[in-house]
Amino acid sequence: MGLSWDRQTFKPQFNVKEATIILAFCNKPKSLLELMVQLKWKNRTKFRNKYINPLLKIKLLALLNPEKPRSRNQKYITTLKGKELLINS
C-alpha cells in the first residue's frame, strides 16, 4: 500500500496540487528554472524554500547531482517514493 498526502507524518506547508505537478513534471530530470516556469514562479529563493527543499527533505524529490547541491546545472528528479505517491493519489 502506497503513501498518500494525508498519511504523511510531514504536514506540507505548500499547495499539494502544485507539489503534485512538480513531482509529475520531474519524471525526467528538470532544472529549477524549468520548474519555476512550469508553475509561473519568479523568485528562486522563495520557490526553493517553499517547494524544493521540503520535497527533498521528505525524499519525494532527489538531486541528480547530490555532490554539488548548489550547482547551476543541478537537476531534480522524482524518487520512487514520490512516484508511488503520485500513483496512489
Protein backbone atom coordinates (compact mmCIF):
# COMPACT_ATOMS: atom_id res chain seq x y z
CA MET A 1 0.00 0.00 0.00
CA GLY A 2 1.44 3.35 -1.01
CA LEU A 3 1.56 6.62 0.83
CA SER A 4 -0.96 9.40 0.41
CA TRP A 5 -0.57 13.08 1.19
CA ASP A 6 -2.85 12.85 4.20
CA ARG A 7 -0.93 9.89 5.68
CA GLN A 8 2.45 11.55 5.58
CA THR A 9 3.91 12.29 9.02
CA PHE A 10 5.11 15.54 7.45
CA LYS A 11 2.37 18.12 7.10
CA PRO A 12 3.15 20.08 3.94
CA GLN A 13 3.32 23.86 4.19
CA PHE A 14 2.71 24.13 0.46
CA ASN A 15 -0.04 23.68 -2.06
CA VAL A 16 -0.37 19.91 -2.58
CA LYS A 17 -1.66 20.44 -6.13
CA GLU A 18 1.49 22.36 -7.08
CA ALA A 19 3.72 19.80 -5.35
CA THR A 20 1.98 17.05 -7.34
CA ILE A 21 2.65 19.00 -10.55
CA ILE A 22 6.34 19.25 -9.60
CA LEU A 23 6.59 15.51 -8.92
CA ALA A 24 4.81 14.62 -12.17
CA PHE A 25 6.92 17.10 -14.16
CA CYS A 26 10.16 15.74 -12.66
CA ASN A 27 9.56 12.26 -14.04
CA LYS A 28 12.53 13.22 -16.19
CA PRO A 29 15.28 15.45 -14.71
CA LYS A 30 14.35 19.14 -14.67
CA SER A 31 16.22 22.26 -13.65
CA LEU A 32 14.95 24.72 -11.07
CA LEU A 33 14.25 27.24 -13.83
CA GLU A 34 12.16 24.72 -15.78
CA LEU A 35 10.12 24.02 -12.66
CA MET A 36 9.64 27.71 -11.93
CA VAL A 37 8.46 28.38 -15.48
CA GLN A 38 6.03 25.45 -15.28
CA LEU A 39 4.44 26.84 -12.09
CA LYS A 40 4.83 30.52 -13.06
CA TRP A 41 7.09 31.47 -10.13
CA LYS A 42 9.65 34.27 -10.40
CA ASN A 43 11.52 34.23 -7.08
CA ARG A 44 14.06 31.36 -6.96
CA THR A 45 14.68 31.53 -3.22
CA LYS A 46 11.01 31.52 -2.23
CA PHE A 47 10.25 28.72 -4.70
CA ARG A 48 13.16 26.63 -3.44
CA ASN A 49 12.21 27.22 0.21
CA LYS A 50 8.50 26.58 -0.28
CA TYR A 51 8.62 23.54 -2.58
CA ILE A 52 12.00 22.09 -3.47
CA ASN A 53 13.61 21.90 -0.01
CA PRO A 54 10.56 20.31 1.68
CA LEU A 55 10.17 17.76 -1.14
CA LEU A 56 13.88 16.94 -0.88
CA LYS A 57 13.61 16.63 2.91
CA ILE A 58 10.80 14.06 2.76
CA LYS A 59 12.58 12.29 -0.11
CA LEU A 60 9.89 12.73 -2.74
CA LEU A 61 12.36 14.62 -4.91
CA ALA A 62 16.08 13.97 -5.34
CA LEU A 63 19.08 15.86 -6.65
CA LEU A 64 20.52 14.46 -9.83
CA ASN A 65 23.98 15.60 -8.74
CA PRO A 66 23.99 15.38 -4.90
CA GLU A 67 27.75 16.06 -4.66
CA LYS A 68 27.12 19.62 -5.87
CA PRO A 69 23.73 20.73 -4.46
CA ARG A 70 24.27 24.39 -5.43
CA SER A 71 25.47 23.73 -8.97
CA ARG A 72 23.86 25.92 -11.60
CA ASN A 73 23.43 22.75 -13.66
CA GLN A 74 21.58 20.93 -10.88
CA LYS A 75 18.50 18.96 -11.89
CA TYR A 76 15.76 17.38 -9.82
CA ILE A 77 14.02 14.05 -10.31
CA THR A 78 11.08 12.36 -8.61
CA THR A 79 12.09 9.48 -6.35
CA LEU A 80 10.43 6.06 -6.25
CA LYS A 81 8.59 7.18 -3.10
CA GLY A 82 7.35 10.26 -4.98
CA LYS A 83 6.20 8.15 -7.93
CA GLU A 84 4.29 5.83 -5.58
CA LEU A 85 2.60 8.86 -4.04
CA LEU A 86 1.56 10.10 -7.49
CA ILE A 87 0.14 6.72 -8.45
CA ASN A 88 -1.91 6.47 -5.24
CA SER A 89 -3.32 9.98 -5.29
